[in-house]
Amino acid sequence: MWNNGAGGGATGGGVSATFPQPTWQAKVGVPAGAEGVDAGGSTNGPSGRGVPDVAGVADPQTGYRVRVDGKDLVIGGTSAVAPLWAALIARIVQSTGKPLGLAQPALYDSIAKGQVAAGFRDITTGDNGAFQAGPGWDACTGLGVPDGTALLAVHASAAGGSTPE
């Protein structure tokens, strides 16, 4: 759970009023944009781009232990999660021998609203002040937190290979 510390501190997820919803998000249940109004300004039209796509441990209290200038500290937030995801994608590409390219279409492949994407651990509790976490994709944690081994298996299968021992 997040958004429960002394200073609040929650994800900045939501729905874009500027960028249209990409095709790979069409079936995951992205809600109407901010304040219940979609990217086109109406409450009945299509939704905008939903963010985030994915999550990671971003809590600055329980995030990632790093050493900076000889001192150990724990960091979180996008500054921690973005390099985690970059490394995970690099390892998947290295292991499968196939470039992933734009990752989102593959990550969202064939999932519907309320469905857990293969290779992810779904986060279903908590909120970010505007949206509630729930089953499947949500505007707090996206598709969820990666399970690196399971995500590699999904992409190795899609690439026509097998996972390394």
Protein backbone atom coordinates (compact mmCIF):
# COMPACT_ATOMS: atom_id res chain seq x y z
CA MET A 1 0.00 0.00 0.00
CA TRP A 2 1.18 3.55 -0.58
CA ASN A 3 -0.05 7.09 -0.02
CA ASN A 4 -0.06 6.30 3.69
CA GLY A 5 3.11 8.01 4.95
CA ALA A 6 3.36 11.24 6.91
CA GLY A 7 3.73 13.34 3.75
CA GLY A 8 1.31 11.34 1.62
CA GLY A 9 3.54 10.50 -1.31
CA ALA A 10 1.65 8.68 -4.01
CA THR A 11 2.04 7.79 -7.65
CA GLY A 12 1.25 10.45 -10.21
CA GLY A 13 -0.79 8.15 -12.44
CA GLY A 14 -3.91 9.18 -14.29
CA VAL A 15 -5.36 9.77 -17.72
CA SER A 16 -4.00 12.26 -20.24
CA ALA A 17 -6.19 15.06 -21.52
CA THR A 18 -3.58 15.73 -24.23
CA PHE A 19 -2.47 12.38 -25.61
CA PRO A 20 -5.00 9.98 -27.14
CA GLN A 21 -5.30 6.43 -25.92
CA PRO A 22 -2.95 4.11 -27.83
CA THR A 23 -4.39 1.01 -29.45
CA TRP A 24 -2.69 -1.36 -27.00
CA GLN A 25 -4.69 0.17 -24.10
CA ALA A 26 -8.08 -0.12 -25.82
CA LYS A 27 -9.26 -3.18 -23.86
CA VAL A 28 -7.76 -2.62 -20.39
CA GLY A 29 -10.42 -0.26 -19.03
CA VAL A 30 -8.69 3.12 -18.96
CA PRO A 31 -11.30 5.42 -17.36
CA ALA A 32 -12.41 8.80 -18.66
CA GLY A 33 -9.82 11.51 -18.04
CA ALA A 34 -9.40 13.84 -15.11
CA GLU A 35 -12.59 14.98 -13.40
CA GLY A 36 -14.54 12.38 -15.42
CA VAL A 37 -13.91 14.22 -18.70
CA ASP A 38 -12.12 12.43 -21.52
CA ALA A 39 -9.34 13.78 -23.73
CA GLY A 40 -11.92 15.13 -26.19
CA GLY A 41 -13.71 17.16 -23.49
CA SER A 42 -16.80 14.99 -23.15
CA THR A 43 -17.81 12.36 -20.63
CA ASN A 44 -18.95 9.85 -23.23
CA GLY A 45 -16.05 9.69 -25.69
CA PRO A 46 -12.85 7.65 -25.68
CA SER A 47 -10.35 7.98 -22.87
CA GLY A 48 -6.86 9.48 -23.16
CA ARG A 49 -3.52 7.75 -22.63
CA GLY A 50 -3.48 5.97 -19.29
CA VAL A 51 -0.37 6.17 -17.13
CA PRO A 52 1.59 4.49 -15.71
CA ASP A 53 2.14 1.42 -17.85
CA VAL A 54 4.03 -0.45 -15.12
CA ALA A 55 5.16 -0.11 -11.52
CA GLY A 56 8.03 -0.97 -9.22
CA VAL A 57 8.94 -0.42 -5.57
CA ALA A 58 8.97 3.36 -5.48
CA ASP A 59 8.59 4.01 -1.75
CA PRO A 60 11.59 6.08 -0.64
CA GLN A 61 11.44 4.32 2.75
CA THR A 62 11.50 0.73 1.41
CA GLY A 63 12.83 1.18 -2.14
CA TYR A 64 16.30 0.21 -3.32
CA ARG A 65 19.48 0.19 -1.26
CA VAL A 66 22.25 2.07 -3.07
CA ARG A 67 25.67 3.45 -2.19
CA VAL A 68 26.28 7.13 -2.97
CA ASP A 69 29.60 8.78 -2.10
CA GLY A 70 30.44 5.88 0.20
CA LYS A 71 27.15 6.04 2.11
CA ASP A 72 24.34 3.50 2.00
CA LEU A 73 20.86 4.90 1.53
CA VAL A 74 17.46 3.84 0.29
CA ILE A 75 15.88 5.57 -2.70
CA GLY A 76 12.56 5.20 -4.42
CA GLY A 77 10.36 6.92 -6.96
CA THR A 78 10.83 7.16 -10.70
CA SER A 79 14.56 7.68 -10.19
CA ALA A 80 14.75 4.12 -8.86
CA VAL A 81 12.08 2.37 -10.92
CA ALA A 82 13.10 3.64 -14.38
CA PRO A 83 16.62 2.12 -14.17
CA LEU A 84 15.13 -1.09 -12.75
CA TRP A 85 12.86 -1.39 -15.80
CA ALA A 86 15.65 -0.45 -18.22
CA ALA A 87 17.85 -3.20 -16.79
CA LEU A 88 15.00 -5.73 -16.85
CA ILE A 89 14.20 -5.00 -20.51
CA ALA A 90 17.92 -5.17 -21.40
CA ARG A 91 18.19 -8.60 -19.73
CA ILE A 92 15.08 -9.85 -21.53
CA VAL A 93 16.48 -8.68 -24.88
CA GLN A 94 19.86 -10.26 -24.10
CA SER A 95 18.28 -13.54 -23.00
CA THR A 96 15.89 -13.87 -25.94
CA GLY A 97 18.27 -12.52 -28.57
CA LYS A 98 15.38 -10.48 -30.00
CA PRO A 99 14.94 -6.71 -29.76
CA LEU A 100 11.76 -5.75 -27.94
CA GLY A 101 11.38 -2.33 -29.57
CA LEU A 102 8.40 -0.43 -28.20
CA ALA A 103 7.62 -2.57 -25.15
CA GLN A 104 4.04 -1.52 -24.40
CA PRO A 105 2.23 -3.46 -27.16
CA ALA A 106 3.94 -6.66 -26.01
CA LEU A 107 3.27 -5.95 -22.32
CA TYR A 108 -0.44 -5.28 -22.90
CA ASP A 109 -0.81 -8.13 -25.40
CA SER A 110 -4.27 -9.69 -25.26
CA ILE A 111 -5.32 -8.53 -21.78
CA ALA A 112 -8.77 -7.20 -21.02
CA LYS A 113 -10.19 -5.03 -18.24
CA GLY A 114 -9.62 -6.60 -14.82
CA GLN A 115 -7.21 -9.21 -16.17
CA VAL A 116 -3.67 -9.61 -14.82
CA ALA A 117 -1.01 -9.34 -17.51
CA ALA A 118 1.36 -12.30 -17.85
CA GLY A 119 4.65 -11.64 -16.06
CA PHE A 120 3.19 -9.20 -13.53
CA ARG A 121 2.10 -9.17 -9.90
CA ASP A 122 -1.07 -7.13 -9.72
CA ILE A 123 -1.37 -4.38 -7.09
CA THR A 124 -5.00 -4.07 -6.00
CA THR A 125 -4.97 -1.88 -2.88
CA GLY A 126 -4.19 1.77 -2.37
CA ASP A 127 -4.88 4.99 -4.21
CA ASN A 128 -3.08 8.03 -5.54
CA GLY A 129 -5.62 10.59 -4.40
CA ALA A 130 -7.52 10.54 -7.70
CA PHE A 131 -7.66 6.88 -8.72
CA GLN A 132 -7.98 3.59 -6.85
CA ALA A 133 -5.82 0.52 -7.47
CA GLY A 134 -7.79 -2.51 -8.57
CA PRO A 135 -7.63 -5.74 -10.55
CA GLY A 136 -5.78 -5.50 -13.86
CA TRP A 137 -4.49 -2.21 -15.27
CA ASP A 138 -5.18 0.85 -13.12
CA ALA A 139 -4.09 4.49 -13.07
CA CYS A 140 -2.08 3.94 -9.88
CA THR A 141 0.17 0.99 -10.70
CA GLY A 142 -0.44 0.29 -14.37
CA LEU A 143 -0.13 -3.41 -15.14
CA GLY A 144 1.59 -4.00 -11.80
CA VAL A 145 5.06 -4.97 -10.63
CA PRO A 146 7.22 -7.22 -12.82
CA ASP A 147 8.07 -10.79 -11.99
CA GLY A 148 11.32 -10.86 -13.97
CA THR A 149 11.47 -14.63 -14.45
CA ALA A 150 7.84 -14.85 -15.56
CA LEU A 151 8.19 -11.82 -17.84
CA LEU A 152 11.26 -13.37 -19.45
CA ALA A 153 9.32 -16.61 -20.03
CA VAL A 154 6.50 -14.67 -21.74
CA HIS A 155 8.88 -12.85 -24.07
CA ALA A 156 11.06 -15.92 -24.73
CA SER A 157 7.92 -17.79 -25.78
CA ALA A 158 6.83 -14.88 -28.02
CA ALA A 159 10.32 -14.76 -29.55
CA GLY A 160 10.11 -18.48 -30.33
CA GLY A 161 12.78 -19.46 -27.87
CA SER A 162 13.11 -20.89 -24.41
CA THR A 163 14.20 -19.35 -21.17
CA PRO A 164 17.84 -19.88 -20.23
CA GLU A 165 18.66 -22.30 -17.42
